[in-house]
Amino acid sequence: MLDVFMDVYLKTLIKYQILLSVIMISLFAIPLSAQTLEDGLVRESKDKVAPAPSRRDAPLPQGSKVSEGEKIDDIGVRGMRRVEAESIITRILSRVGQPLSLDTLSKDIKRIYKLGFFEDIQVDATKTAEGKVILTFIVTEKPAIVGLKYKGNEEITEEDISDVVNLRVNQVLNIEDVKSNAEKIRALYAEKGYFLAEVDYKIQRKKATPFEATIVFNINEFSKVEVKKITILGNKNIPDEDLKNIMATREGDWGSFLTEFGSFKEEAFELDTRRITAFYYNEGYVDIKVKRPTVRLSRDKHYIYITIQLDEGKQYQLRSMDIQGDLITTKKETMALVKKSEIGKRFSYGKMREDAEVIRASFLDAGYAYANVNPLIRKDAEGALFIDVLMDIQKGNKVYFGRIDVVGNRATRDKVIRRELKIFEGELYSSKNIQRSIARVRRLGLFEKVDITTKRGAQDDLINARVEVSERPTGTLQFGFGLSSIENWIINGSVSENNLLGRGQSLNLSAQISAIRTIFNLSFSEPWFLDSKWQMSASAFNFDVQETDFTRTSRGGSLTFGYPINDFLGISDDLVLALTYKIENVTLRPG
């Protein structure tokens, strides 16, 4: 009866292609591996010795075979070197105190494999002389990458190749990652004009250190391929030169060694066909068809000949333009925003899109962050060469700024950035104010990059903004020494910091000392005095200069306060009205 049950059980599993961990009855022990899972084979554990659970390579426990359903008393892991045993124990479904299950063990092996660290996994189940059931997972880790080598690269440096390869030393070896990086190297060669380059890889492992691997990329560069000739067919109304001038792919010439002319890049060439289509659209040829280009390689594999065939169609004129949908002003005011497209003139897809964006921008500035303007193009029904455009507007709901986050500022305090923003939490969304905010933060001169992105908030009427900056060095230190026939020797130096303590304040100190002069300058500026819109700057100086017949000493300083008046004048650019008080004491001494 037991034999009949096991036969039905096995046939059912094989029918549905379930990977078998073990075929076990109460007379068998339970050893599992990747191979037994795939083949449905049974393999018994042999030559078991006394346990040594504290060692990663400890032998398996000694005992008798285990039956399915017996309670698990202990779970161990053997074979790990870099991976912690705990990361495996927490991954599996088998638990101490639960009955031993073949189905659960099969799932456990799959779950451990998904960690991506192991080449092989086996399972051993043993009942010790004391009656304890010990379940042991025996793993073989994938090797770690200990080196990356490149062979055959003569035209592209190893440094340039390393820039595109994302494999790193001590990373766990993954074949898919290696294949992906081989393709990245090939793409780099194609970008540089080596269209025929081949990249293969080899994994080197030594018997003495089987857990270490060196990846060797073998590169066959072949000759650099040059675009010899580009032939355009079917362009009756637009000259070859006009089309070739908009293409990134160019024919090679005598100066190709100084330019990119003659290089063939697949991605760039695919964009070229789109550029040609867009060019014709802007010229009113809305029926343009660019057929699949042919690329022919010369017999010596040094040159490429490209043929592009077109079907231009007819040129259309713009007969009318109208709007429909949601309006926030009168139809006349909205149509007044259309300035690029001209009725009765050649239709231009690009100008139409520009007008659509201007209309959309007016909605964005009014708080409709999700407004959409979709130009609908309709050809004349009777076949005349006229086009009618209908701007279909969906404004959506008004949206307000929710959370505004500032990220990327390590040294600069948040308030230095936030006080320059023209967008505020709880206020109506405005695309124009976003652009003004970007410009104002850039104007600080503290950041290499300033970007503001938006994302839908927790509610439909909220939108969150993310202000991302990348800081640049703001301090300078200079020192110099020189000799002069007049001043004998000269020492000068300066130190400045344009983001003092991350507050956006500027502090500058400069000095120049020689045999006949001593000059000191100290200046400080605060763009937001006492966190108000008032601007303050102060300076102090000391000049001591020895002329031919007298010595001139000048000491003093200045204090300046300013206030932006652009809001009063209704202009967007900052215009500051400033008042400066300067005091100076000059002394002349003979000799």
Protein backbone atom coordinates (compact mmCIF):
# COMPACT_ATOMS: atom_id res chain seq x y z
CA MET A 1 0.00 0.00 0.00
CA LEU A 2 2.87 2.32 0.85
CA ASP A 3 4.57 1.61 -2.49
CA VAL A 4 1.39 2.46 -4.41
CA PHE A 5 1.01 5.75 -2.53
CA MET A 6 4.63 6.83 -3.26
CA ASP A 7 4.27 5.96 -6.95
CA VAL A 8 1.18 8.17 -7.33
CA TYR A 9 2.89 10.93 -5.34
CA LEU A 10 5.95 10.94 -7.60
CA LYS A 11 3.98 10.86 -10.85
CA THR A 12 1.87 13.80 -9.72
CA LEU A 13 4.93 15.93 -8.92
CA ILE A 14 6.61 15.12 -12.24
CA LYS A 15 3.41 15.87 -14.18
CA TYR A 16 3.32 19.45 -12.91
CA GLN A 17 7.14 19.84 -13.24
CA ILE A 18 7.69 20.56 -9.56
CA LEU A 19 11.38 20.28 -8.59
CA LEU A 20 11.75 17.36 -6.17
CA SER A 21 13.93 17.91 -3.16
CA VAL A 22 14.06 14.25 -2.18
CA ILE A 23 12.19 11.03 -2.82
CA MET A 24 11.96 9.68 0.69
CA ILE A 25 10.07 7.08 2.63
CA SER A 26 10.67 6.16 6.24
CA LEU A 27 13.50 3.84 5.23
CA PHE A 28 15.57 6.61 3.62
CA ALA A 29 17.63 9.55 4.86
CA ILE A 30 17.21 13.01 3.25
CA PRO A 31 20.12 14.45 1.20
CA LEU A 32 19.12 17.19 -1.29
CA SER A 33 21.02 19.18 -3.90
CA ALA A 34 20.41 21.31 -6.94
CA GLN A 35 20.98 18.25 -9.12
CA THR A 36 18.50 16.05 -7.25
CA LEU A 37 15.91 18.80 -7.49
CA GLU A 38 16.27 18.97 -11.25
CA ASP A 39 16.50 15.25 -11.94
CA GLY A 40 14.21 13.88 -9.24
CA LEU A 41 16.97 11.51 -8.04
CA VAL A 42 17.59 10.11 -4.53
CA ARG A 43 21.03 10.28 -3.00
CA GLU A 44 21.83 8.94 0.47
CA SER A 45 24.17 10.50 3.01
CA LYS A 46 27.24 8.38 3.71
CA ASP A 47 30.21 8.28 6.04
CA LYS A 48 28.67 10.53 8.66
CA VAL A 49 30.79 11.45 11.67
CA ALA A 50 30.24 13.17 14.99
CA PRO A 51 28.86 16.76 14.72
CA ALA A 52 30.94 19.90 15.13
CA PRO A 53 28.34 22.67 14.70
CA SER A 54 30.69 25.58 15.40
CA ARG A 55 32.83 24.98 12.28
CA ARG A 56 31.73 26.04 8.81
CA ASP A 57 33.32 22.89 7.27
CA ALA A 58 32.38 20.57 10.14
CA PRO A 59 31.40 16.99 9.16
CA LEU A 60 27.75 16.02 9.18
CA PRO A 61 26.19 14.47 12.31
CA GLN A 62 26.26 10.67 12.74
CA GLY A 63 23.05 8.72 13.08
CA SER A 64 20.22 6.95 11.33
CA LYS A 65 17.82 7.83 8.57
CA VAL A 66 14.84 10.13 9.10
CA SER A 67 11.21 9.70 8.07
CA GLU A 68 9.01 12.49 6.74
CA GLY A 69 6.83 13.92 9.47
CA GLU A 70 9.32 13.54 12.30
CA LYS A 71 9.81 16.64 14.42
CA ILE A 72 12.91 18.76 13.72
CA ASP A 73 15.08 19.31 16.82
CA ASP A 74 17.90 21.38 15.33
CA ILE A 75 18.80 23.21 12.08
CA GLY A 76 22.39 23.92 11.01
CA VAL A 77 24.34 25.25 8.04
CA ARG A 78 27.66 24.03 6.63
CA GLY A 79 29.97 25.37 3.92
CA MET A 80 29.43 29.14 4.23
CA ARG A 81 32.51 31.34 4.15
CA ARG A 82 31.37 34.92 3.60
CA VAL A 83 27.63 34.55 4.15
CA GLU A 84 26.35 34.40 7.71
CA ALA A 85 24.45 31.25 8.67
CA GLU A 86 21.73 33.42 10.19
CA SER A 87 20.87 34.89 6.76
CA ILE A 88 20.05 31.35 5.58
CA ILE A 89 18.18 30.26 8.72
CA THR A 90 15.90 33.30 8.59
CA ARG A 91 15.19 32.67 4.89
CA ILE A 92 13.92 29.10 5.11
CA LEU A 93 10.43 27.94 6.06
CA SER A 94 11.51 24.83 8.02
CA ARG A 95 11.51 25.48 11.76
CA VAL A 96 12.61 23.67 14.89
CA GLY A 97 9.63 21.87 16.40
CA GLN A 98 7.83 21.45 13.07
CA PRO A 99 7.49 18.11 11.25
CA LEU A 100 9.96 17.38 8.44
CA SER A 101 8.32 18.09 5.03
CA LEU A 102 9.66 17.36 1.56
CA ASP A 103 7.55 20.11 0.03
CA THR A 104 8.86 22.66 2.55
CA LEU A 105 12.47 21.58 1.92
CA SER A 106 11.98 22.05 -1.83
CA LYS A 107 10.74 25.59 -1.18
CA ASP A 108 13.65 26.21 1.21
CA ILE A 109 16.22 25.36 -1.45
CA LYS A 110 14.55 27.68 -3.93
CA ARG A 111 14.44 30.50 -1.37
CA ILE A 112 18.14 30.08 -0.54
CA TYR A 113 19.01 30.07 -4.25
CA LYS A 114 17.22 33.39 -4.66
CA LEU A 115 19.76 34.98 -2.32
CA GLY A 116 22.14 34.75 -5.28
CA PHE A 117 25.18 33.69 -3.22
CA PHE A 118 25.32 29.93 -3.83
CA GLU A 119 26.30 27.54 -6.63
CA ASP A 120 24.97 24.38 -4.99
CA ILE A 121 22.70 23.54 -2.06
CA GLN A 122 22.24 20.15 -0.40
CA VAL A 123 20.16 19.07 2.57
CA ASP A 124 20.95 16.33 5.07
CA ALA A 125 18.55 14.99 7.72
CA THR A 126 19.92 12.69 10.44
CA LYS A 127 18.55 11.20 13.67
CA THR A 128 21.33 11.00 16.26
CA ALA A 129 21.82 8.24 18.80
CA GLU A 130 20.03 10.45 21.34
CA GLY A 131 16.96 10.55 19.10
CA LYS A 132 17.38 14.18 17.93
CA VAL A 133 16.50 15.03 14.32
CA ILE A 134 19.13 17.41 12.92
CA LEU A 135 18.50 19.17 9.61
CA THR A 136 21.64 20.51 7.89
CA PHE A 137 21.83 22.74 4.82
CA ILE A 138 25.13 22.22 2.97
CA VAL A 139 25.92 25.18 0.71
CA THR A 140 28.62 25.90 -1.82
CA GLU A 141 29.12 29.63 -2.18
CA LYS A 142 29.71 31.33 -5.50
CA PRO A 143 33.27 32.65 -5.75
CA ALA A 144 34.09 36.27 -5.05
CA ILE A 145 35.60 38.42 -7.78
CA VAL A 146 39.24 39.13 -6.88
CA GLY A 147 40.33 40.72 -10.15
CA LEU A 148 39.21 42.19 -13.47
CA LYS A 149 41.43 42.00 -16.53
CA TYR A 150 41.07 43.33 -20.08
CA LYS A 151 42.95 41.86 -23.01
CA GLY A 152 43.11 43.13 -26.57
CA ASN A 153 42.15 46.73 -25.84
CA GLU A 154 44.60 48.86 -27.77
CA GLU A 155 42.39 51.72 -29.00
CA ILE A 156 40.43 52.30 -25.77
CA THR A 157 42.20 52.61 -22.44
CA GLU A 158 41.53 50.32 -19.50
CA GLU A 159 40.45 53.37 -17.50
CA ASP A 160 37.72 54.22 -20.02
CA ILE A 161 36.51 50.62 -20.02
CA SER A 162 36.46 50.53 -16.21
CA ASP A 163 34.18 53.58 -16.22
CA VAL A 164 31.38 51.59 -17.90
CA VAL A 165 31.95 48.29 -16.05
CA ASN A 166 30.08 48.05 -12.75
CA LEU A 167 31.68 44.82 -11.50
CA ARG A 168 33.72 45.33 -8.36
CA VAL A 169 36.38 43.36 -6.50
CA ASN A 170 34.95 41.25 -3.60
CA GLN A 171 31.56 41.22 -5.32
CA VAL A 172 29.87 37.80 -5.55
CA LEU A 173 30.24 36.36 -9.03
CA ASN A 174 27.05 36.48 -11.07
CA ILE A 175 27.23 35.22 -14.66
CA GLU A 176 24.39 37.47 -15.82
CA ASP A 177 26.25 40.51 -14.49
CA VAL A 178 29.39 39.43 -16.36
CA LYS A 179 27.43 39.01 -19.61
CA SER A 180 25.81 42.41 -19.10
CA ASN A 181 29.19 44.09 -18.64
CA ALA A 182 30.62 42.40 -21.72
CA GLU A 183 27.76 44.00 -23.65
CA LYS A 184 28.54 47.39 -22.05
CA ILE A 185 32.13 47.16 -23.27
CA ARG A 186 30.93 46.26 -26.77
CA ALA A 187 28.53 49.24 -26.70
CA LEU A 188 31.44 51.49 -25.68
CA TYR A 189 33.44 50.32 -28.70
CA ALA A 190 30.45 50.86 -30.99
CA GLU A 191 30.11 54.39 -29.61
CA LYS A 192 33.76 55.06 -30.42
CA GLY A 193 33.26 53.85 -34.00
CA TYR A 194 34.45 50.24 -33.58
CA PHE A 195 31.19 48.85 -34.85
CA LEU A 196 32.55 45.32 -35.40
CA ALA A 197 34.22 44.90 -32.01
CA GLU A 198 33.64 41.60 -30.22
CA VAL A 199 33.85 41.09 -26.46
CA ASP A 200 34.01 37.71 -24.76
CA TYR A 201 34.84 36.74 -21.20
CA LYS A 202 36.56 33.96 -19.29
CA ILE A 203 36.29 33.11 -15.60
CA GLN A 204 39.58 31.96 -14.10
CA ARG A 205 39.54 29.92 -10.88
CA LYS A 206 42.50 28.22 -9.23
CA LYS A 207 42.26 24.86 -7.49
CA ALA A 208 44.10 26.23 -4.48
CA THR A 209 41.54 29.06 -4.09
CA PRO A 210 38.24 27.79 -5.54
CA PHE A 211 36.26 30.54 -3.82
CA GLU A 212 38.05 33.27 -5.79
CA ALA A 213 37.55 34.19 -9.44
CA THR A 214 39.23 36.54 -11.89
CA ILE A 215 37.15 37.83 -14.78
CA VAL A 216 39.06 38.26 -18.03
CA PHE A 217 37.39 40.21 -20.83
CA ASN A 218 38.87 39.32 -24.21
CA ILE A 219 38.36 42.11 -26.76
CA ASN A 220 38.74 41.83 -30.50
CA GLU A 221 38.61 45.43 -31.66
CA PHE A 222 38.84 44.99 -35.44
CA SER A 223 39.30 48.15 -37.48
CA LYS A 224 37.39 51.34 -36.87
CA VAL A 225 34.49 51.59 -39.28
CA GLU A 226 34.04 54.88 -41.13
CA VAL A 227 30.86 56.13 -42.78
CA LYS A 228 32.00 56.54 -46.38
CA LYS A 229 28.77 57.60 -48.09
CA ILE A 230 25.20 58.55 -47.09
CA THR A 231 22.72 58.34 -49.96
CA ILE A 232 19.24 59.83 -49.60
CA LEU A 233 16.55 58.82 -52.09
CA GLY A 234 13.07 60.22 -52.64
CA ASN A 235 13.70 63.76 -51.34
CA LYS A 236 12.31 65.80 -54.19
CA ASN A 237 11.69 69.05 -52.30
CA ILE A 238 14.39 69.19 -49.65
CA PRO A 239 18.07 69.00 -50.68
CA ASP A 240 20.41 66.31 -49.41
CA GLU A 241 22.58 68.82 -47.59
CA ASP A 242 19.68 70.16 -45.51
CA LEU A 243 18.87 66.65 -44.32
CA LYS A 244 22.49 65.64 -43.73
CA ASN A 245 23.11 68.78 -41.67
CA ILE A 246 20.53 67.72 -39.07
CA MET A 247 21.96 64.22 -38.75
CA ALA A 248 24.47 63.25 -36.07
CA THR A 249 25.85 60.57 -38.41
CA ARG A 250 28.15 62.27 -40.92
CA GLU A 251 30.31 61.14 -43.81
CA GLY A 252 34.01 60.91 -43.07
CA ASP A 253 36.43 63.37 -44.60
CA TRP A 254 40.06 64.45 -44.35
CA GLY A 255 39.44 66.08 -40.96
CA SER A 256 37.70 63.08 -39.37
CA PHE A 257 40.62 62.46 -37.04
CA LEU A 258 39.83 65.81 -35.37
CA THR A 259 36.04 65.44 -35.32
CA GLU A 260 33.41 62.75 -34.85
CA PHE A 261 32.59 62.85 -38.55
CA GLY A 262 32.59 59.38 -40.05
CA SER A 263 31.76 57.59 -36.79
CA PHE A 264 28.82 55.22 -36.85
CA LYS A 265 26.78 54.80 -33.68
CA GLU A 266 23.64 52.72 -33.77
CA GLU A 267 21.69 54.76 -31.24
CA ALA A 268 22.63 58.05 -32.89
CA PHE A 269 21.64 56.73 -36.31
CA GLU A 270 18.23 55.61 -35.02
CA LEU A 271 17.70 59.16 -33.74
CA ASP A 272 18.73 60.51 -37.14
CA THR A 273 15.72 58.87 -38.80
CA ARG A 274 13.47 60.55 -36.23
CA ARG A 275 15.19 63.88 -36.84
CA ILE A 276 14.45 63.58 -40.55
CA THR A 277 10.79 62.82 -39.81
CA ALA A 278 10.54 65.78 -37.42
CA PHE A 279 12.23 68.05 -39.98
CA TYR A 280 9.62 67.18 -42.62
CA TYR A 281 6.79 67.65 -40.12
CA ASN A 282 8.05 71.15 -39.42
CA GLU A 283 8.10 71.84 -43.14
CA GLY A 284 4.45 70.79 -43.51
CA TYR A 285 5.03 67.29 -44.93
CA VAL A 286 2.85 65.39 -42.47
CA ASP A 287 2.63 62.30 -44.71
CA ILE A 288 6.40 61.75 -44.65
CA LYS A 289 7.54 58.14 -44.46
CA VAL A 290 11.14 57.18 -43.74
CA LYS A 291 11.69 53.61 -44.82
CA ARG A 292 14.07 51.32 -42.99
CA PRO A 293 17.61 52.42 -43.96
CA THR A 294 20.08 49.95 -45.39
CA VAL A 295 23.60 49.78 -44.00
CA ARG A 296 26.19 48.01 -46.14
CA LEU A 297 29.69 47.09 -45.01
CA SER A 298 32.56 47.17 -47.48
CA ARG A 299 34.43 43.97 -48.23
CA ASP A 300 37.48 45.06 -46.27
CA LYS A 301 35.18 45.98 -43.34
CA HIS A 302 36.62 49.49 -43.13
CA TYR A 303 33.71 51.50 -44.54
CA ILE A 304 29.95 51.73 -44.19
CA TYR A 305 27.58 52.83 -46.94
CA ILE A 306 24.16 54.06 -45.79
CA THR A 307 21.05 54.45 -47.94
CA ILE A 308 17.95 56.27 -46.65
CA GLN A 309 14.79 56.15 -48.76
CA LEU A 310 11.95 58.63 -48.24
CA ASP A 311 8.39 59.15 -49.38
CA GLU A 312 7.83 62.87 -48.84
CA GLY A 313 4.15 63.24 -49.63
CA LYS A 314 2.64 66.69 -50.09
CA GLN A 315 3.17 69.93 -48.19
CA TYR A 316 0.21 71.22 -46.15
CA GLN A 317 -0.89 74.71 -45.09
CA LEU A 318 -2.50 75.66 -41.80
CA ARG A 319 -6.09 76.69 -42.56
CA SER A 320 -7.49 77.19 -39.05
CA MET A 321 -6.74 76.79 -35.36
CA ASP A 322 -9.32 76.57 -32.58
CA ILE A 323 -9.59 75.50 -28.95
CA GLN A 324 -12.08 73.41 -27.00
CA GLY A 325 -12.43 71.97 -23.53
CA ASP A 326 -11.80 73.60 -20.15
CA LEU A 327 -10.99 77.30 -20.21
CA ILE A 328 -9.99 79.54 -17.30
CA THR A 329 -10.22 82.77 -19.32
CA THR A 330 -12.14 83.77 -22.41
CA LYS A 331 -11.56 81.97 -25.67
CA LYS A 332 -10.16 85.15 -27.18
CA GLU A 333 -7.58 85.56 -24.38
CA THR A 334 -6.50 81.95 -24.71
CA MET A 335 -6.17 82.18 -28.50
CA ALA A 336 -4.05 85.31 -28.03
CA LEU A 337 -1.34 83.04 -26.57
CA VAL A 338 -0.93 81.40 -29.99
CA LYS A 339 1.94 83.32 -31.60
CA LYS A 340 4.08 80.83 -33.51
CA SER A 341 1.56 79.19 -35.83
CA GLU A 342 0.34 81.38 -38.71
CA ILE A 343 -2.96 80.83 -40.46
CA GLY A 344 -2.56 80.54 -44.23
CA LYS A 345 1.16 79.74 -43.94
CA ARG A 346 3.02 76.45 -44.11
CA PHE A 347 1.98 74.11 -41.31
CA SER A 348 4.73 73.43 -38.77
CA TYR A 349 4.37 70.69 -36.21
CA GLY A 350 7.10 72.21 -34.04
CA LYS A 351 5.44 75.64 -33.93
CA MET A 352 2.10 74.02 -33.11
CA ARG A 353 3.69 72.17 -30.15
CA GLU A 354 5.28 75.41 -28.92
CA ASP A 355 1.88 77.13 -28.94
CA ALA A 356 0.34 74.19 -27.10
CA GLU A 357 3.04 74.41 -24.42
CA VAL A 358 2.46 78.15 -23.97
CA ILE A 359 -1.25 77.50 -23.41
CA ARG A 360 -0.45 74.68 -21.00
CA ALA A 361 2.03 76.89 -19.11
CA SER A 362 -0.75 79.43 -18.50
CA PHE A 363 -2.78 76.69 -16.82
CA LEU A 364 0.21 75.47 -14.79
CA ASP A 365 0.81 78.98 -13.48
CA ALA A 366 -2.85 79.16 -12.45
CA GLY A 367 -2.50 76.09 -10.21
CA TYR A 368 -3.64 73.36 -12.61
CA ALA A 369 -0.55 71.16 -12.26
CA TYR A 370 -2.01 68.29 -14.27
CA ALA A 371 -3.42 70.33 -17.14
CA ASN A 372 -3.01 68.84 -20.59
CA VAL A 373 -3.27 70.45 -24.03
CA ASN A 374 -3.61 67.94 -26.85
CA PRO A 375 -3.45 69.32 -30.42
CA LEU A 376 -5.82 67.44 -32.72
CA ILE A 377 -4.78 67.55 -36.37
CA ARG A 378 -7.41 67.11 -39.05
CA LYS A 379 -6.67 67.01 -42.77
CA ASP A 380 -9.10 68.44 -45.28
CA ALA A 381 -11.82 65.86 -45.92
CA GLU A 382 -11.90 66.60 -49.65
CA GLY A 383 -8.21 65.96 -50.14
CA ALA A 384 -7.07 69.56 -50.34
CA LEU A 385 -3.66 70.31 -48.83
CA PHE A 386 -5.02 72.07 -45.73
CA ILE A 387 -4.80 71.22 -42.04
CA ASP A 388 -7.12 72.32 -39.23
CA VAL A 389 -5.84 72.22 -35.67
CA LEU A 390 -8.04 71.95 -32.59
CA MET A 391 -6.39 72.44 -29.19
CA ASP A 392 -8.20 70.14 -26.77
CA ILE A 393 -7.72 71.32 -23.18
CA GLN A 394 -8.27 69.30 -19.99
CA LYS A 395 -7.38 71.45 -17.02
CA GLY A 396 -8.03 69.01 -14.16
CA ASN A 397 -8.35 70.33 -10.61
CA LYS A 398 -6.39 73.04 -8.87
CA VAL A 399 -3.39 71.70 -6.96
CA TYR A 400 -1.56 73.07 -3.94
CA PHE A 401 1.98 72.44 -2.77
CA GLY A 402 2.14 69.81 -0.05
CA ARG A 403 5.52 68.85 1.37
CA ILE A 404 8.65 70.61 0.06
CA ASP A 405 11.83 68.65 0.74
CA VAL A 406 15.39 69.91 0.35
CA VAL A 407 18.04 67.24 -0.29
CA GLY A 408 21.72 67.14 -1.23
CA ASN A 409 22.86 70.03 1.01
CA ARG A 410 25.47 68.64 3.37
CA ALA A 411 27.20 71.84 4.46
CA THR A 412 24.52 74.38 3.61
CA ARG A 413 21.66 74.84 6.03
CA ASP A 414 18.13 74.22 4.78
CA LYS A 415 17.00 77.77 5.45
CA VAL A 416 19.67 79.20 3.11
CA ILE A 417 17.91 77.38 0.26
CA ARG A 418 14.33 77.67 1.44
CA ARG A 419 14.42 81.45 1.84
CA GLU A 420 15.27 81.75 -1.87
CA LEU A 421 12.29 79.66 -2.95
CA LYS A 422 9.20 81.22 -4.48
CA ILE A 423 7.09 78.13 -3.77
CA PHE A 424 5.55 77.52 -0.35
CA GLU A 425 3.71 74.67 1.31
CA GLY A 426 -0.04 75.19 1.13
CA GLU A 427 0.12 77.72 -1.70
CA LEU A 428 -1.26 77.26 -5.19
CA TYR A 429 0.96 75.37 -7.64
CA SER A 430 2.87 77.55 -10.08
CA SER A 431 5.24 76.37 -12.79
CA LYS A 432 6.64 79.88 -13.18
CA ASN A 433 7.51 80.09 -9.49
CA ILE A 434 9.30 76.75 -9.71
CA GLN A 435 11.53 78.12 -12.44
CA ARG A 436 12.08 81.35 -10.49
CA SER A 437 13.06 79.28 -7.44
CA ILE A 438 15.62 77.30 -9.44
CA ALA A 439 17.12 80.52 -10.81
CA ARG A 440 17.34 82.15 -7.36
CA VAL A 441 19.03 79.16 -5.72
CA ARG A 442 21.52 78.91 -8.61
CA ARG A 443 22.28 82.60 -8.23
CA LEU A 444 23.68 81.92 -4.75
CA GLY A 445 26.73 80.40 -6.45
CA LEU A 446 26.93 77.62 -3.86
CA PHE A 447 25.71 74.72 -5.98
CA GLU A 448 26.77 72.96 -9.16
CA LYS A 449 23.27 71.61 -9.80
CA VAL A 450 19.82 72.76 -8.74
CA ASP A 451 16.72 70.85 -9.73
CA ILE A 452 13.10 70.83 -8.54
CA THR A 453 10.91 67.82 -9.26
CA THR A 454 7.28 67.26 -8.31
CA LYS A 455 5.30 64.18 -7.33
CA ARG A 456 1.62 63.63 -6.64
CA GLY A 457 0.85 64.06 -2.93
CA ALA A 458 -1.24 62.06 -0.49
CA GLN A 459 -4.39 63.77 -1.80
CA ASP A 460 -5.43 64.59 -5.36
CA ASP A 461 -5.23 68.33 -4.68
CA LEU A 462 -1.68 68.17 -3.28
CA ILE A 463 1.67 67.95 -5.04
CA ASN A 464 4.99 67.45 -3.26
CA ALA A 465 8.17 69.18 -4.42
CA ARG A 466 11.74 67.95 -4.05
CA VAL A 467 14.52 70.52 -4.23
CA GLU A 468 17.74 68.67 -5.05
CA VAL A 469 21.09 70.44 -4.97
CA SER A 470 24.70 69.43 -5.48
CA GLU A 471 27.19 71.55 -3.56
CA ARG A 472 30.39 72.98 -4.96
CA PRO A 473 33.53 74.12 -3.09
CA THR A 474 32.96 77.61 -1.70
CA GLY A 475 36.28 78.40 -0.01
CA THR A 476 39.57 79.51 -1.52
CA LEU A 477 43.07 79.93 -0.13
CA GLN A 478 45.82 81.70 -2.07
CA PHE A 479 49.43 82.53 -1.23
CA GLY A 480 52.19 84.12 -3.29
CA PHE A 481 55.75 85.38 -3.03
CA GLY A 482 57.67 87.52 -5.50
CA LEU A 483 60.67 89.75 -6.06
CA SER A 484 60.58 93.28 -7.48
CA SER A 485 63.23 95.87 -8.34
CA ILE A 486 61.06 98.56 -6.71
CA GLU A 487 59.55 96.76 -3.72
CA ASN A 488 62.37 94.22 -3.24
CA TRP A 489 60.12 91.43 -2.02
CA ILE A 490 56.36 90.90 -2.06
CA ILE A 491 54.21 88.50 -0.07
CA ASN A 492 50.48 88.27 -0.70
CA GLY A 493 47.73 85.95 0.35
CA SER A 494 43.98 85.70 0.66
CA VAL A 495 41.38 83.44 2.20
CA SER A 496 37.69 83.54 1.42
CA GLU A 497 34.58 81.55 2.25
CA ASN A 498 31.27 82.21 0.48
CA ASN A 499 29.23 79.86 2.66
CA LEU A 500 30.44 80.60 6.17
CA LEU A 501 29.28 77.87 8.57
CA GLY A 502 26.70 76.86 5.99
CA ARG A 503 24.75 80.11 6.52
CA GLY A 504 25.26 81.60 3.04
CA GLN A 505 27.42 84.40 4.45
CA SER A 506 30.66 85.56 2.82
CA LEU A 507 33.94 86.34 4.57
CA ASN A 508 37.07 87.53 2.75
CA LEU A 509 40.51 88.43 4.09
CA SER A 510 43.40 89.54 1.89
CA ALA A 511 46.85 90.91 2.67
CA GLN A 512 49.83 92.21 0.73
CA ILE A 513 53.14 92.98 2.40
CA SER A 514 56.35 94.30 0.82
CA ALA A 515 59.28 96.54 1.65
CA ILE A 516 57.26 99.68 0.91
CA ARG A 517 53.61 98.76 1.49
CA THR A 518 51.32 96.93 3.90
CA ILE A 519 47.71 96.34 2.82
CA PHE A 520 44.95 94.50 4.70
CA ASN A 521 41.33 94.04 3.58
CA LEU A 522 38.54 92.34 5.52
CA SER A 523 34.95 92.10 4.29
CA PHE A 524 31.79 90.32 5.42
CA SER A 525 28.35 90.11 3.83
CA GLU A 526 25.01 88.76 5.06
CA PRO A 527 22.34 88.44 2.32
CA TRP A 528 19.50 87.94 4.84
CA PHE A 529 20.27 90.18 7.80
CA LEU A 530 18.53 88.86 10.94
CA ASP A 531 16.58 86.48 8.65
CA SER A 532 14.88 89.42 6.95
CA LYS A 533 15.03 90.65 3.37
CA TRP A 534 17.55 93.29 4.39
CA GLN A 535 21.06 92.79 3.04
CA MET A 536 24.10 93.84 5.02
CA SER A 537 27.80 94.05 4.25
CA ALA A 538 30.72 95.48 6.17
CA SER A 539 34.37 95.98 5.37
CA ALA A 540 37.54 97.18 7.08
CA PHE A 541 40.86 98.12 5.52
CA ASN A 542 44.33 99.30 6.42
CA PHE A 543 46.64 100.72 3.73
CA ASP A 544 50.21 101.76 4.56
CA VAL A 545 52.12 102.81 1.45
CA GLN A 546 55.58 104.40 1.32
CA GLU A 547 55.95 106.80 -1.60
CA THR A 548 59.16 108.61 -2.68
CA ASP A 549 58.84 111.61 -0.32
CA PHE A 550 56.10 110.60 2.10
CA THR A 551 54.20 107.72 3.64
CA ARG A 552 50.43 107.49 3.25
CA THR A 553 48.41 105.59 5.85
CA SER A 554 44.71 104.97 5.31
CA ARG A 555 42.45 103.17 7.76
CA GLY A 556 38.70 102.81 7.68
CA GLY A 557 35.68 100.76 6.80
CA SER A 558 32.23 100.78 5.29
CA LEU A 559 28.75 99.56 6.19
CA THR A 560 26.06 98.88 3.58
CA PHE A 561 22.39 98.05 3.93
CA GLY A 562 20.18 97.13 1.00
CA TYR A 563 16.61 96.02 0.35
CA PRO A 564 15.10 94.39 -2.77
CA ILE A 565 12.46 96.56 -4.40
CA ASN A 566 11.42 94.28 -7.26
CA ASP A 567 8.13 93.41 -5.51
CA PHE A 568 7.21 97.10 -5.37
CA LEU A 569 8.01 97.54 -9.07
CA GLY A 570 6.28 94.34 -10.13
CA ILE A 571 9.34 92.77 -11.78
CA SER A 572 10.70 89.27 -11.28
CA ASP A 573 14.43 90.06 -11.31
CA ASP A 574 15.98 91.23 -8.06
CA LEU A 575 16.65 94.96 -7.93
CA VAL A 576 18.23 96.18 -4.68
CA LEU A 577 18.22 99.71 -3.29
CA ALA A 578 21.34 100.11 -1.10
CA LEU A 579 22.81 102.78 1.17
CA THR A 580 26.51 102.77 2.11
CA TYR A 581 28.28 104.66 4.91
CA LYS A 582 32.07 104.84 4.60
CA ILE A 583 34.59 106.22 7.05
CA GLU A 584 38.29 106.69 6.29
CA ASN A 585 41.17 108.28 8.18
CA VAL A 586 44.14 109.31 6.01
CA THR A 587 47.53 110.31 7.46
CA LEU A 588 50.51 111.64 5.53
CA ARG A 589 54.00 111.54 7.01
CA PRO A 590 57.14 112.99 5.37
CA GLY A 591 60.07 110.76 4.62
